[in-house]
Amino acid sequence: MNNSPYSLQPASVQSVMLRVLLALLPGIAAYVWFFGAAILVQIVLTSVTALAAEAAMLKLRGKPLMMFLTDGSALVTAWLIALSFPSIAPWWLTVLGTLLAIVVAKHLYGGLGQNPFNPAMVAFALMIVAYPSLMSQWPAVGAADFTQYMNAIFGLRQLDAITMATPLDALRTALHSADAPATVAGVLGSGASFGNIGGKGWEWIALAYLAGGLWLMQRRTITWHMPTAFLAILFAVSGLFSLIDPTQFAPPLFHVLTGGAMFAAFFIVTDPVSGAATPKGKLIFAAGAALLTWVIRTFGAYPDGIAFAVLLMNIAAPLIDMYTQPAVFGHKKPDGDTR
């Protein structure tokens, strides 16, 4: 018979990364259902590129190959990039973004556990700044067969029949159009980009990411702090402005179930390396990322500002941790009390 006390062994990097990959599967399945199998091709491209770049950098740095190649961190970065990029992005764009994430954002800062910025978000930010038109071409729901998608990725890019604007981009363009005034209700009630609450198809993908994220929380791979703070602040801020002027500000459920909000809440801001580490710090970090996301979505030059919001908060993470360190047991607090 086993008696208490019990001690919990820390989870290995490999087991944590495997759980993250498993948690992404519901979102990937929903993605394939609504937008086709092109996303699977992008996942293969990013995975092969990430592993090759990881191996090359480990070799150059004199590190053991098998130990780091099998820890799963490169694959997690690869999958996050694939799910962040348009699924019909040209192959070279996906490969270039993955190389920048692994070589520059990860290994030039010291490798696993040393990178100050989220590698997947570095890849997205660099590519959308350098190639904004290519990063804005997203597939329409059920608009093409697999051959058309393969032509878009590897061949001639004749995309008029298989692409549409993202819900966030379509809403933003309509509200800022100089031709005729538009309201949020009018825009959301028309057009192929919009579903019942958010983006057509994206609502279900967001719920699939939610399911995977809740499983990660149940397995204690991530804590509740960052997902809860991110979604709560995004919901609260968008809801407040929607109440103030519902004609020009989208409702909160639209913001939460559209774009990469749910994906970011559970799989991006929860990065244990580039984010805050203290309990209070996690809440502040995720809340700041959510607020910046809403500001960029609403007033910025890009329809979805998650990548830029996360990178900006990555810069602030060390300062946040420094000022949110919990009191150490047995040491005096500033007011003279002890714990």
C-alpha atoms as a PDB file:
ATOM      1  CA  MET A   1       0.000   0.000   0.000  1.00  0.00           C
ATOM      2  CA  ASN A   2       1.340   3.433  -0.965  1.00  0.00           C
ATOM      3  CA  ASN A   3       1.346   6.105   1.728  1.00  0.00           C
ATOM      4  CA  SER A   4       1.503   9.880   1.464  1.00  0.00           C
ATOM      5  CA  PRO A   5       3.165  12.291   1.068  1.00  0.00           C
ATOM      6  CA  TYR A   6       3.500  12.041  -2.680  1.00  0.00           C
ATOM      7  CA  SER A   7       5.861  14.016  -4.889  1.00  0.00           C
ATOM      8  CA  LEU A   8       5.035  14.888  -8.477  1.00  0.00           C
ATOM      9  CA  GLN A   9       7.751  14.334 -11.026  1.00  0.00           C
ATOM     10  CA  PRO A  10       8.154  17.227 -13.468  1.00  0.00           C
ATOM     11  CA  ALA A  11       6.850  16.402 -16.933  1.00  0.00           C
ATOM     12  CA  SER A  12       9.473  15.947 -19.605  1.00  0.00           C
ATOM     13  CA  VAL A  13       9.685  18.358 -22.525  1.00  0.00           C
ATOM     14  CA  GLN A  14       8.789  15.509 -24.862  1.00  0.00           C
ATOM     15  CA  SER A  15       5.594  14.615 -22.973  1.00  0.00           C
ATOM     16  CA  VAL A  16       4.487  18.257 -22.790  1.00  0.00           C
ATOM     17  CA  MET A  17       5.056  18.806 -26.513  1.00  0.00           C
ATOM     18  CA  LEU A  18       3.237  15.591 -27.368  1.00  0.00           C
ATOM     19  CA  ARG A  19       0.208  16.733 -25.383  1.00  0.00           C
ATOM     20  CA  VAL A  20       0.204  20.073 -27.213  1.00  0.00           C
ATOM     21  CA  LEU A  21       0.300  18.292 -30.571  1.00  0.00           C
ATOM     22  CA  LEU A  22      -2.564  16.024 -29.505  1.00  0.00           C
ATOM     23  CA  ALA A  23      -4.582  19.014 -28.288  1.00  0.00           C
ATOM     24  CA  LEU A  24      -4.228  20.644 -31.710  1.00  0.00           C
ATOM     25  CA  LEU A  25      -5.790  17.665 -33.503  1.00  0.00           C
ATOM     26  CA  PRO A  26      -9.462  18.666 -32.958  1.00  0.00           C
ATOM     27  CA  GLY A  27      -8.758  22.099 -34.443  1.00  0.00           C
ATOM     28  CA  ILE A  28      -6.918  20.561 -37.380  1.00  0.00           C
ATOM     29  CA  ALA A  29      -9.788  18.140 -38.007  1.00  0.00           C
ATOM     30  CA  ALA A  30     -12.305  21.005 -38.015  1.00  0.00           C
ATOM     31  CA  TYR A  31      -9.995  23.009 -40.291  1.00  0.00           C
ATOM     32  CA  VAL A  32      -9.884  20.148 -42.823  1.00  0.00           C
ATOM     33  CA  TRP A  33     -13.660  19.727 -42.651  1.00  0.00           C
ATOM     34  CA  PHE A  34     -14.416  23.349 -43.478  1.00  0.00           C
ATOM     35  CA  PHE A  35     -11.448  24.463 -45.574  1.00  0.00           C
ATOM     36  CA  GLY A  36     -10.021  21.318 -47.119  1.00  0.00           C
ATOM     37  CA  ALA A  37      -6.883  19.252 -46.774  1.00  0.00           C
ATOM     38  CA  ALA A  38      -4.442  21.976 -47.833  1.00  0.00           C
ATOM     39  CA  ILE A  39      -3.662  22.585 -44.164  1.00  0.00           C
ATOM     40  CA  LEU A  40      -2.276  19.039 -43.924  1.00  0.00           C
ATOM     41  CA  VAL A  41       0.164  19.815 -46.727  1.00  0.00           C
ATOM     42  CA  GLN A  42       1.269  22.955 -44.887  1.00  0.00           C
ATOM     43  CA  ILE A  43       1.779  20.964 -41.693  1.00  0.00           C
ATOM     44  CA  VAL A  44       4.003  18.516 -43.568  1.00  0.00           C
ATOM     45  CA  LEU A  45       5.976  21.399 -45.132  1.00  0.00           C
ATOM     46  CA  THR A  46       6.531  23.167 -41.830  1.00  0.00           C
ATOM     47  CA  SER A  47       7.346  19.929 -39.981  1.00  0.00           C
ATOM     48  CA  VAL A  48       9.984  18.808 -42.481  1.00  0.00           C
ATOM     49  CA  THR A  49      11.488  22.296 -42.652  1.00  0.00           C
ATOM     50  CA  ALA A  50      11.541  22.725 -38.875  1.00  0.00           C
ATOM     51  CA  LEU A  51      13.214  19.367 -38.259  1.00  0.00           C
ATOM     52  CA  ALA A  52      15.800  19.970 -40.987  1.00  0.00           C
ATOM     53  CA  ALA A  53      16.581  23.467 -39.671  1.00  0.00           C
ATOM     54  CA  GLU A  54      16.721  22.163 -36.094  1.00  0.00           C
ATOM     55  CA  ALA A  55      19.150  19.413 -37.102  1.00  0.00           C
ATOM     56  CA  ALA A  56      21.379  21.840 -39.017  1.00  0.00           C
ATOM     57  CA  MET A  57      21.540  24.324 -36.153  1.00  0.00           C
ATOM     58  CA  LEU A  58      22.182  21.620 -33.563  1.00  0.00           C
ATOM     59  CA  LYS A  59      25.000  20.299 -35.715  1.00  0.00           C
ATOM     60  CA  LEU A  60      26.535  23.775 -36.050  1.00  0.00           C
ATOM     61  CA  ARG A  61      26.277  24.328 -32.302  1.00  0.00           C
ATOM     62  CA  GLY A  62      27.712  20.921 -31.423  1.00  0.00           C
ATOM     63  CA  LYS A  63      24.579  19.762 -29.605  1.00  0.00           C
ATOM     64  CA  PRO A  64      23.309  16.155 -29.492  1.00  0.00           C
ATOM     65  CA  LEU A  65      20.901  15.667 -32.385  1.00  0.00           C
ATOM     66  CA  MET A  66      18.576  12.905 -31.228  1.00  0.00           C
ATOM     67  CA  MET A  67      17.898  14.335 -27.770  1.00  0.00           C
ATOM     68  CA  PHE A  68      16.684  17.671 -29.151  1.00  0.00           C
ATOM     69  CA  LEU A  69      15.150  16.455 -32.406  1.00  0.00           C
ATOM     70  CA  THR A  70      12.877  14.072 -30.522  1.00  0.00           C
ATOM     71  CA  ASP A  71      11.750  16.495 -27.803  1.00  0.00           C
ATOM     72  CA  GLY A  72       8.878  17.713 -29.997  1.00  0.00           C
ATOM     73  CA  SER A  73       9.547  21.451 -29.636  1.00  0.00           C
ATOM     74  CA  ALA A  74      10.390  21.940 -33.315  1.00  0.00           C
ATOM     75  CA  LEU A  75       7.228  20.102 -34.352  1.00  0.00           C
ATOM     76  CA  VAL A  76       5.056  22.231 -32.057  1.00  0.00           C
ATOM     77  CA  THR A  77       6.521  25.396 -33.593  1.00  0.00           C
ATOM     78  CA  ALA A  78       5.965  23.948 -37.062  1.00  0.00           C
ATOM     79  CA  TRP A  79       2.314  23.117 -36.425  1.00  0.00           C
ATOM     80  CA  LEU A  80       1.631  26.512 -34.862  1.00  0.00           C
ATOM     81  CA  ILE A  81       3.122  28.217 -37.931  1.00  0.00           C
ATOM     82  CA  ALA A  82       1.072  26.075 -40.305  1.00  0.00           C
ATOM     83  CA  LEU A  83      -2.134  26.868 -38.413  1.00  0.00           C
ATOM     84  CA  SER A  84      -1.286  30.588 -38.292  1.00  0.00           C
ATOM     85  CA  PHE A  85      -0.485  30.970 -41.987  1.00  0.00           C
ATOM     86  CA  PRO A  86      -3.089  30.786 -44.775  1.00  0.00           C
ATOM     87  CA  SER A  87      -3.470  27.136 -45.766  1.00  0.00           C
ATOM     88  CA  ILE A  88      -3.004  28.053 -49.438  1.00  0.00           C
ATOM     89  CA  ALA A  89       0.126  30.146 -48.899  1.00  0.00           C
ATOM     90  CA  PRO A  90       2.842  29.359 -51.475  1.00  0.00           C
ATOM     91  CA  TRP A  91       5.224  26.671 -50.302  1.00  0.00           C
ATOM     92  CA  TRP A  92       8.272  28.932 -50.253  1.00  0.00           C
ATOM     93  CA  LEU A  93       6.526  31.417 -47.953  1.00  0.00           C
ATOM     94  CA  THR A  94       5.736  28.705 -45.419  1.00  0.00           C
ATOM     95  CA  VAL A  95       9.254  27.289 -45.632  1.00  0.00           C
ATOM     96  CA  LEU A  96      10.841  30.737 -45.263  1.00  0.00           C
ATOM     97  CA  GLY A  97       8.708  31.575 -42.231  1.00  0.00           C
ATOM     98  CA  THR A  98       9.581  28.266 -40.573  1.00  0.00           C
ATOM     99  CA  LEU A  99      13.298  28.748 -41.206  1.00  0.00           C
ATOM    100  CA  LEU A 100      13.188  32.206 -39.636  1.00  0.00           C
ATOM    101  CA  ALA A 101      11.339  30.833 -36.612  1.00  0.00           C
ATOM    102  CA  ILE A 102      13.774  27.979 -35.962  1.00  0.00           C
ATOM    103  CA  VAL A 103      17.068  29.549 -37.016  1.00  0.00           C
ATOM    104  CA  VAL A 104      16.594  33.181 -35.971  1.00  0.00           C
ATOM    105  CA  ALA A 105      13.888  33.303 -33.296  1.00  0.00           C
ATOM    106  CA  LYS A 106      14.976  30.098 -31.544  1.00  0.00           C
ATOM    107  CA  HIS A 107      18.600  29.070 -32.093  1.00  0.00           C
ATOM    108  CA  LEU A 108      20.265  32.456 -32.505  1.00  0.00           C
ATOM    109  CA  TYR A 109      19.021  33.206 -28.979  1.00  0.00           C
ATOM    110  CA  GLY A 110      20.402  29.985 -27.546  1.00  0.00           C
ATOM    111  CA  GLY A 111      17.900  27.290 -28.493  1.00  0.00           C
ATOM    112  CA  LEU A 112      15.181  25.600 -26.483  1.00  0.00           C
ATOM    113  CA  GLY A 113      14.213  27.560 -23.381  1.00  0.00           C
ATOM    114  CA  GLN A 114      16.273  30.645 -24.263  1.00  0.00           C
ATOM    115  CA  ASN A 115      14.173  32.421 -26.902  1.00  0.00           C
ATOM    116  CA  PRO A 116      12.640  35.706 -25.656  1.00  0.00           C
ATOM    117  CA  PHE A 117      10.045  35.796 -28.459  1.00  0.00           C
ATOM    118  CA  ASN A 118       7.454  33.266 -29.539  1.00  0.00           C
ATOM    119  CA  PRO A 119       9.013  31.709 -32.680  1.00  0.00           C
ATOM    120  CA  ALA A 120       5.710  31.057 -34.466  1.00  0.00           C
ATOM    121  CA  MET A 121       4.588  34.642 -33.942  1.00  0.00           C
ATOM    122  CA  VAL A 122       7.958  35.937 -35.146  1.00  0.00           C
ATOM    123  CA  ALA A 123       7.434  33.967 -38.363  1.00  0.00           C
ATOM    124  CA  PHE A 124       3.908  35.310 -38.829  1.00  0.00           C
ATOM    125  CA  ALA A 125       4.858  38.924 -38.095  1.00  0.00           C
ATOM    126  CA  LEU A 126       7.842  38.902 -40.446  1.00  0.00           C
ATOM    127  CA  MET A 127       5.913  37.306 -43.289  1.00  0.00           C
ATOM    128  CA  ILE A 128       2.839  39.521 -43.041  1.00  0.00           C
ATOM    129  CA  VAL A 129       5.048  42.629 -43.052  1.00  0.00           C
ATOM    130  CA  ALA A 130       7.144  41.386 -45.976  1.00  0.00           C
ATOM    131  CA  TYR A 131       4.359  39.733 -48.014  1.00  0.00           C
ATOM    132  CA  PRO A 132       1.029  41.215 -46.875  1.00  0.00           C
ATOM    133  CA  SER A 133      -0.917  40.238 -49.992  1.00  0.00           C
ATOM    134  CA  LEU A 134       0.147  36.584 -49.869  1.00  0.00           C
ATOM    135  CA  MET A 135      -0.601  36.398 -46.146  1.00  0.00           C
ATOM    136  CA  SER A 136      -4.094  37.754 -46.779  1.00  0.00           C
ATOM    137  CA  GLN A 137      -5.238  35.068 -49.240  1.00  0.00           C
ATOM    138  CA  TRP A 138      -7.349  32.584 -47.291  1.00  0.00           C
ATOM    139  CA  PRO A 139      -9.473  29.747 -48.726  1.00  0.00           C
ATOM    140  CA  ALA A 140     -13.216  29.995 -48.912  1.00  0.00           C
ATOM    141  CA  VAL A 141     -15.331  27.392 -47.127  1.00  0.00           C
ATOM    142  CA  GLY A 142     -15.546  24.289 -49.337  1.00  0.00           C
ATOM    143  CA  ALA A 143     -14.605  26.267 -52.435  1.00  0.00           C
ATOM    144  CA  ALA A 144     -12.086  23.987 -54.117  1.00  0.00           C
ATOM    145  CA  ASP A 145     -10.915  20.432 -54.538  1.00  0.00           C
ATOM    146  CA  PHE A 146      -7.520  19.165 -53.503  1.00  0.00           C
ATOM    147  CA  THR A 147      -5.994  19.707 -56.948  1.00  0.00           C
ATOM    148  CA  GLN A 148      -6.859  23.398 -56.865  1.00  0.00           C
ATOM    149  CA  TYR A 149      -5.263  23.725 -53.454  1.00  0.00           C
ATOM    150  CA  MET A 150      -2.097  21.991 -54.645  1.00  0.00           C
ATOM    151  CA  ASN A 151      -1.911  24.353 -57.615  1.00  0.00           C
ATOM    152  CA  ALA A 152      -2.232  27.290 -55.226  1.00  0.00           C
ATOM    153  CA  ILE A 153       0.580  26.008 -53.017  1.00  0.00           C
ATOM    154  CA  PHE A 154       3.000  24.607 -55.602  1.00  0.00           C
ATOM    155  CA  GLY A 155       1.864  25.880 -59.007  1.00  0.00           C
ATOM    156  CA  LEU A 156       0.108  28.771 -60.666  1.00  0.00           C
ATOM    157  CA  ARG A 157      -1.810  30.875 -58.162  1.00  0.00           C
ATOM    158  CA  GLN A 158      -5.175  31.441 -59.843  1.00  0.00           C
ATOM    159  CA  LEU A 159      -7.052  32.156 -56.637  1.00  0.00           C
ATOM    160  CA  ASP A 160     -10.092  34.237 -57.498  1.00  0.00           C
ATOM    161  CA  ALA A 161     -12.460  31.267 -57.356  1.00  0.00           C
ATOM    162  CA  ILE A 162     -11.166  29.689 -54.148  1.00  0.00           C
ATOM    163  CA  THR A 163     -10.341  32.602 -51.830  1.00  0.00           C
ATOM    164  CA  MET A 164     -12.278  35.038 -49.708  1.00  0.00           C
ATOM    165  CA  ALA A 165     -11.467  37.724 -47.178  1.00  0.00           C
ATOM    166  CA  THR A 166     -11.202  36.634 -43.573  1.00  0.00           C
ATOM    167  CA  PRO A 167     -14.137  37.714 -41.378  1.00  0.00           C
ATOM    168  CA  LEU A 168     -12.011  40.284 -39.545  1.00  0.00           C
ATOM    169  CA  ASP A 169     -10.665  41.687 -42.808  1.00  0.00           C
ATOM    170  CA  ALA A 170     -14.109  41.770 -44.432  1.00  0.00           C
ATOM    171  CA  LEU A 171     -15.620  43.595 -41.445  1.00  0.00           C
ATOM    172  CA  ARG A 172     -12.763  46.056 -41.234  1.00  0.00           C
ATOM    173  CA  THR A 173     -12.866  46.838 -44.965  1.00  0.00           C
ATOM    174  CA  ALA A 174     -16.616  47.358 -44.948  1.00  0.00           C
ATOM    175  CA  LEU A 175     -16.590  49.647 -41.914  1.00  0.00           C
ATOM    176  CA  HIS A 176     -13.762  51.786 -43.292  1.00  0.00           C
ATOM    177  CA  SER A 177     -15.036  51.952 -46.852  1.00  0.00           C
ATOM    178  CA  ALA A 178     -15.432  55.492 -48.171  1.00  0.00           C
ATOM    179  CA  ASP A 179     -18.104  54.528 -50.694  1.00  0.00           C
ATOM    180  CA  ALA A 180     -20.984  54.069 -48.291  1.00  0.00           C
ATOM    181  CA  PRO A 181     -21.418  54.008 -44.519  1.00  0.00           C
ATOM    182  CA  ALA A 182     -21.812  50.543 -43.020  1.00  0.00           C
ATOM    183  CA  THR A 183     -22.819  49.158 -39.665  1.00  0.00           C
ATOM    184  CA  VAL A 184     -21.568  46.066 -37.899  1.00  0.00           C
ATOM    185  CA  ALA A 185     -25.012  44.431 -37.994  1.00  0.00           C
ATOM    186  CA  GLY A 186     -25.339  45.137 -41.695  1.00  0.00           C
ATOM    187  CA  VAL A 187     -21.919  43.718 -42.502  1.00  0.00           C
ATOM    188  CA  LEU A 188     -22.262  40.615 -40.334  1.00  0.00           C
ATOM    189  CA  GLY A 189     -25.667  39.892 -41.813  1.00  0.00           C
ATOM    190  CA  SER A 190     -24.308  39.641 -45.335  1.00  0.00           C
ATOM    191  CA  GLY A 191     -21.411  38.076 -47.156  1.00  0.00           C
ATOM    192  CA  ALA A 192     -19.960  34.596 -47.419  1.00  0.00           C
ATOM    193  CA  SER A 193     -17.328  35.247 -44.759  1.00  0.00           C
ATOM    194  CA  PHE A 194     -19.718  35.306 -41.812  1.00  0.00           C
ATOM    195  CA  GLY A 195     -21.479  32.519 -39.973  1.00  0.00           C
ATOM    196  CA  ASN A 196     -24.028  32.655 -37.171  1.00  0.00           C
ATOM    197  CA  ILE A 197     -21.747  34.372 -34.639  1.00  0.00           C
ATOM    198  CA  GLY A 198     -18.273  34.747 -36.093  1.00  0.00           C
ATOM    199  CA  GLY A 199     -16.531  33.695 -39.253  1.00  0.00           C
ATOM    200  CA  LYS A 200     -18.123  30.943 -41.303  1.00  0.00           C
ATOM    201  CA  GLY A 201     -16.406  27.733 -40.303  1.00  0.00           C
ATOM    202  CA  TRP A 202     -14.090  29.555 -37.919  1.00  0.00           C
ATOM    203  CA  GLU A 203     -16.687  29.351 -35.143  1.00  0.00           C
ATOM    204  CA  TRP A 204     -16.398  25.556 -35.089  1.00  0.00           C
ATOM    205  CA  ILE A 205     -12.633  25.623 -35.446  1.00  0.00           C
ATOM    206  CA  ALA A 206     -12.481  27.948 -32.430  1.00  0.00           C
ATOM    207  CA  LEU A 207     -14.629  25.552 -30.411  1.00  0.00           C
ATOM    208  CA  ALA A 208     -12.337  22.681 -31.419  1.00  0.00           C
ATOM    209  CA  TYR A 209      -9.329  24.655 -30.170  1.00  0.00           C
ATOM    210  CA  LEU A 210     -11.282  25.304 -26.969  1.00  0.00           C
ATOM    211  CA  ALA A 211     -11.798  21.567 -26.502  1.00  0.00           C
ATOM    212  CA  GLY A 212      -8.109  20.877 -27.014  1.00  0.00           C
ATOM    213  CA  GLY A 213      -7.135  23.703 -24.683  1.00  0.00           C
ATOM    214  CA  LEU A 214      -9.442  22.531 -21.921  1.00  0.00           C
ATOM    215  CA  TRP A 215      -7.888  19.080 -22.195  1.00  0.00           C
ATOM    216  CA  LEU A 216      -4.442  20.651 -21.727  1.00  0.00           C
ATOM    217  CA  MET A 217      -5.736  22.398 -18.615  1.00  0.00           C
ATOM    218  CA  GLN A 218      -7.239  19.154 -17.318  1.00  0.00           C
ATOM    219  CA  ARG A 219      -3.890  17.441 -17.846  1.00  0.00           C
ATOM    220  CA  ARG A 220      -2.181  20.370 -16.070  1.00  0.00           C
ATOM    221  CA  THR A 221       0.015  21.011 -19.078  1.00  0.00           C
ATOM    222  CA  ILE A 222      -1.081  24.648 -18.911  1.00  0.00           C
ATOM    223  CA  THR A 223      -2.694  26.605 -16.099  1.00  0.00           C
ATOM    224  CA  TRP A 224      -5.966  28.507 -16.221  1.00  0.00           C
ATOM    225  CA  HIS A 225      -4.393  31.943 -15.839  1.00  0.00           C
ATOM    226  CA  MET A 226      -3.472  32.907 -19.385  1.00  0.00           C
ATOM    227  CA  PRO A 227      -6.401  31.439 -21.373  1.00  0.00           C
ATOM    228  CA  THR A 228      -8.901  32.851 -18.891  1.00  0.00           C
ATOM    229  CA  ALA A 229      -7.324  36.307 -18.743  1.00  0.00           C
ATOM    230  CA  PHE A 230      -6.912  36.532 -22.527  1.00  0.00           C
ATOM    231  CA  LEU A 231     -10.478  35.533 -23.381  1.00  0.00           C
ATOM    232  CA  ALA A 232     -12.034  37.474 -20.494  1.00  0.00           C
ATOM    233  CA  ILE A 233     -10.291  40.748 -21.337  1.00  0.00           C
ATOM    234  CA  LEU A 234     -10.926  40.390 -25.067  1.00  0.00           C
ATOM    235  CA  PHE A 235     -14.586  39.672 -24.327  1.00  0.00           C
ATOM    236  CA  ALA A 236     -14.906  42.497 -21.793  1.00  0.00           C
ATOM    237  CA  VAL A 237     -13.217  45.210 -23.869  1.00  0.00           C
ATOM    238  CA  SER A 238     -14.999  44.336 -27.100  1.00  0.00           C
ATOM    239  CA  GLY A 239     -18.274  44.016 -25.200  1.00  0.00           C
ATOM    240  CA  LEU A 240     -17.857  47.434 -23.577  1.00  0.00           C
ATOM    241  CA  PHE A 241     -17.230  49.207 -26.871  1.00  0.00           C
ATOM    242  CA  SER A 242     -19.983  47.253 -28.556  1.00  0.00           C
ATOM    243  CA  LEU A 243     -22.382  48.575 -25.915  1.00  0.00           C
ATOM    244  CA  ILE A 244     -21.112  52.118 -26.443  1.00  0.00           C
ATOM    245  CA  ASP A 245     -21.490  52.014 -30.246  1.00  0.00           C
ATOM    246  CA  PRO A 246     -22.849  48.739 -31.635  1.00  0.00           C
ATOM    247  CA  THR A 247     -22.841  50.137 -35.171  1.00  0.00           C
ATOM    248  CA  GLN A 248     -19.040  50.437 -35.348  1.00  0.00           C
ATOM    249  CA  PHE A 249     -17.694  47.880 -32.854  1.00  0.00           C
ATOM    250  CA  ALA A 250     -18.178  44.130 -33.275  1.00  0.00           C
ATOM    251  CA  PRO A 251     -19.807  42.161 -30.438  1.00  0.00           C
ATOM    252  CA  PRO A 252     -17.605  40.176 -28.041  1.00  0.00           C
ATOM    253  CA  LEU A 253     -18.559  36.702 -29.294  1.00  0.00           C
ATOM    254  CA  PHE A 254     -17.450  37.727 -32.784  1.00  0.00           C
ATOM    255  CA  HIS A 255     -14.007  38.651 -31.474  1.00  0.00           C
ATOM    256  CA  VAL A 256     -13.658  35.490 -29.407  1.00  0.00           C
ATOM    257  CA  LEU A 257     -14.877  33.050 -32.087  1.00  0.00           C
ATOM    258  CA  THR A 258     -13.200  34.683 -35.079  1.00  0.00           C
ATOM    259  CA  GLY A 259      -9.621  34.813 -36.234  1.00  0.00           C
ATOM    260  CA  GLY A 260      -6.980  33.317 -33.979  1.00  0.00           C
ATOM    261  CA  ALA A 261      -8.380  34.331 -30.578  1.00  0.00           C
ATOM    262  CA  MET A 262      -9.152  30.862 -29.220  1.00  0.00           C
ATOM    263  CA  PHE A 263      -6.023  29.441 -30.839  1.00  0.00           C
ATOM    264  CA  ALA A 264      -3.915  32.161 -29.217  1.00  0.00           C
ATOM    265  CA  ALA A 265      -5.556  31.806 -25.805  1.00  0.00           C
ATOM    266  CA  PHE A 266      -4.549  28.166 -25.378  1.00  0.00           C
ATOM    267  CA  PHE A 267      -1.577  27.617 -27.687  1.00  0.00           C
ATOM    268  CA  ILE A 268       0.251  30.943 -28.185  1.00  0.00           C
ATOM    269  CA  VAL A 269       0.151  33.104 -25.051  1.00  0.00           C
ATOM    270  CA  THR A 270       0.700  29.987 -22.920  1.00  0.00           C
ATOM    271  CA  ASP A 271       4.243  29.529 -24.244  1.00  0.00           C
ATOM    272  CA  PRO A 272       6.196  28.942 -21.003  1.00  0.00           C
ATOM    273  CA  VAL A 273       9.469  30.332 -22.385  1.00  0.00           C
ATOM    274  CA  SER A 274       8.543  33.677 -23.923  1.00  0.00           C
ATOM    275  CA  GLY A 275       5.642  34.521 -21.610  1.00  0.00           C
ATOM    276  CA  ALA A 276       5.392  35.454 -17.953  1.00  0.00           C
ATOM    277  CA  ALA A 277       6.057  32.767 -15.351  1.00  0.00           C
ATOM    278  CA  THR A 278       4.468  33.982 -12.087  1.00  0.00           C
ATOM    279  CA  PRO A 279       0.737  33.485 -11.428  1.00  0.00           C
ATOM    280  CA  LYS A 280      -0.004  37.225 -11.318  1.00  0.00           C
ATOM    281  CA  GLY A 281       2.376  37.791 -14.195  1.00  0.00           C
ATOM    282  CA  LYS A 282       0.507  35.316 -16.365  1.00  0.00           C
ATOM    283  CA  LEU A 283      -2.737  37.204 -15.795  1.00  0.00           C
ATOM    284  CA  ILE A 284      -1.119  40.544 -16.641  1.00  0.00           C
ATOM    285  CA  PHE A 285       0.695  39.146 -19.680  1.00  0.00           C
ATOM    286  CA  ALA A 286      -2.414  37.558 -21.193  1.00  0.00           C
ATOM    287  CA  ALA A 287      -4.616  40.556 -20.363  1.00  0.00           C
ATOM    288  CA  GLY A 288      -2.129  42.880 -22.065  1.00  0.00           C
ATOM    289  CA  ALA A 289      -1.996  40.636 -25.126  1.00  0.00           C
ATOM    290  CA  ALA A 290      -5.791  40.600 -25.338  1.00  0.00           C
ATOM    291  CA  LEU A 291      -6.073  44.377 -25.003  1.00  0.00           C
ATOM    292  CA  LEU A 292      -3.420  44.964 -27.668  1.00  0.00           C
ATOM    293  CA  THR A 293      -5.111  42.418 -29.932  1.00  0.00           C
ATOM    294  CA  TRP A 294      -8.401  44.293 -29.751  1.00  0.00           C
ATOM    295  CA  VAL A 295      -6.709  47.678 -30.302  1.00  0.00           C
ATOM    296  CA  ILE A 296      -4.832  46.450 -33.384  1.00  0.00           C
ATOM    297  CA  ARG A 297      -7.908  44.686 -34.758  1.00  0.00           C
ATOM    298  CA  THR A 298     -10.009  47.793 -34.327  1.00  0.00           C
ATOM    299  CA  PHE A 299      -7.654  50.673 -35.068  1.00  0.00           C
ATOM    300  CA  GLY A 300      -4.466  49.168 -36.513  1.00  0.00           C
ATOM    301  CA  ALA A 301      -3.332  48.415 -40.030  1.00  0.00           C
ATOM    302  CA  TYR A 302      -3.813  44.639 -39.747  1.00  0.00           C
ATOM    303  CA  PRO A 303      -7.142  42.834 -39.329  1.00  0.00           C
ATOM    304  CA  ASP A 304      -5.824  40.477 -36.629  1.00  0.00           C
ATOM    305  CA  GLY A 305      -3.159  41.760 -34.265  1.00  0.00           C
ATOM    306  CA  ILE A 306      -2.455  38.669 -32.175  1.00  0.00           C
ATOM    307  CA  ALA A 307       1.107  38.131 -33.413  1.00  0.00           C
ATOM    308  CA  PHE A 308       2.131  41.741 -32.788  1.00  0.00           C
ATOM    309  CA  ALA A 309       0.335  41.816 -29.436  1.00  0.00           C
ATOM    310  CA  VAL A 310       2.115  38.681 -28.228  1.00  0.00           C
ATOM    311  CA  LEU A 311       5.525  39.903 -29.395  1.00  0.00           C
ATOM    312  CA  LEU A 312       5.046  43.227 -27.631  1.00  0.00           C
ATOM    313  CA  MET A 313       4.108  41.433 -24.424  1.00  0.00           C
ATOM    314  CA  ASN A 314       7.126  39.124 -24.851  1.00  0.00           C
ATOM    315  CA  ILE A 315       9.268  42.242 -24.485  1.00  0.00           C
ATOM    316  CA  ALA A 316       7.495  43.107 -21.236  1.00  0.00           C
ATOM    317  CA  ALA A 317       7.518  39.579 -19.770  1.00  0.00           C
ATOM    318  CA  PRO A 318      10.806  39.880 -17.777  1.00  0.00           C
ATOM    319  CA  LEU A 319       9.638  43.151 -16.221  1.00  0.00           C
ATOM    320  CA  ILE A 320       6.238  41.669 -15.395  1.00  0.00           C
ATOM    321  CA  ASP A 321       7.873  38.697 -13.689  1.00  0.00           C
ATOM    322  CA  MET A 322      10.229  40.953 -11.730  1.00  0.00           C
ATOM    323  CA  TYR A 323       7.354  42.939 -10.193  1.00  0.00           C
ATOM    324  CA  THR A 324       5.005  40.004  -9.582  1.00  0.00           C
ATOM    325  CA  GLN A 325       7.279  37.611  -7.703  1.00  0.00           C
ATOM    326  CA  PRO A 326       5.304  35.981  -4.860  1.00  0.00           C
ATOM    327  CA  ALA A 327       6.508  36.402  -1.301  1.00  0.00           C
ATOM    328  CA  VAL A 328       9.025  33.804  -0.160  1.00  0.00           C
ATOM    329  CA  PHE A 329       7.941  31.726   2.855  1.00  0.00           C
ATOM    330  CA  GLY A 330       9.667  32.926   6.026  1.00  0.00           C
ATOM    331  CA  HIS A 331      10.837  36.251   4.613  1.00  0.00           C
ATOM    332  CA  LYS A 332       9.584  39.607   5.782  1.00  0.00           C
ATOM    333  CA  LYS A 333       7.133  41.510   3.662  1.00  0.00           C
ATOM    334  CA  PRO A 334       7.646  45.227   3.128  1.00  0.00           C
ATOM    335  CA  ASP A 335       5.095  46.018   5.881  1.00  0.00           C
ATOM    336  CA  GLY A 336       7.005  43.926   8.434  1.00  0.00           C
ATOM    337  CA  ASP A 337       4.716  40.861   8.436  1.00  0.00           C
ATOM    338  CA  THR A 338       6.148  37.384   7.845  1.00  0.00           C
ATOM    339  CA  ARG A 339       4.925  34.387   5.966  1.00  0.00           C
END
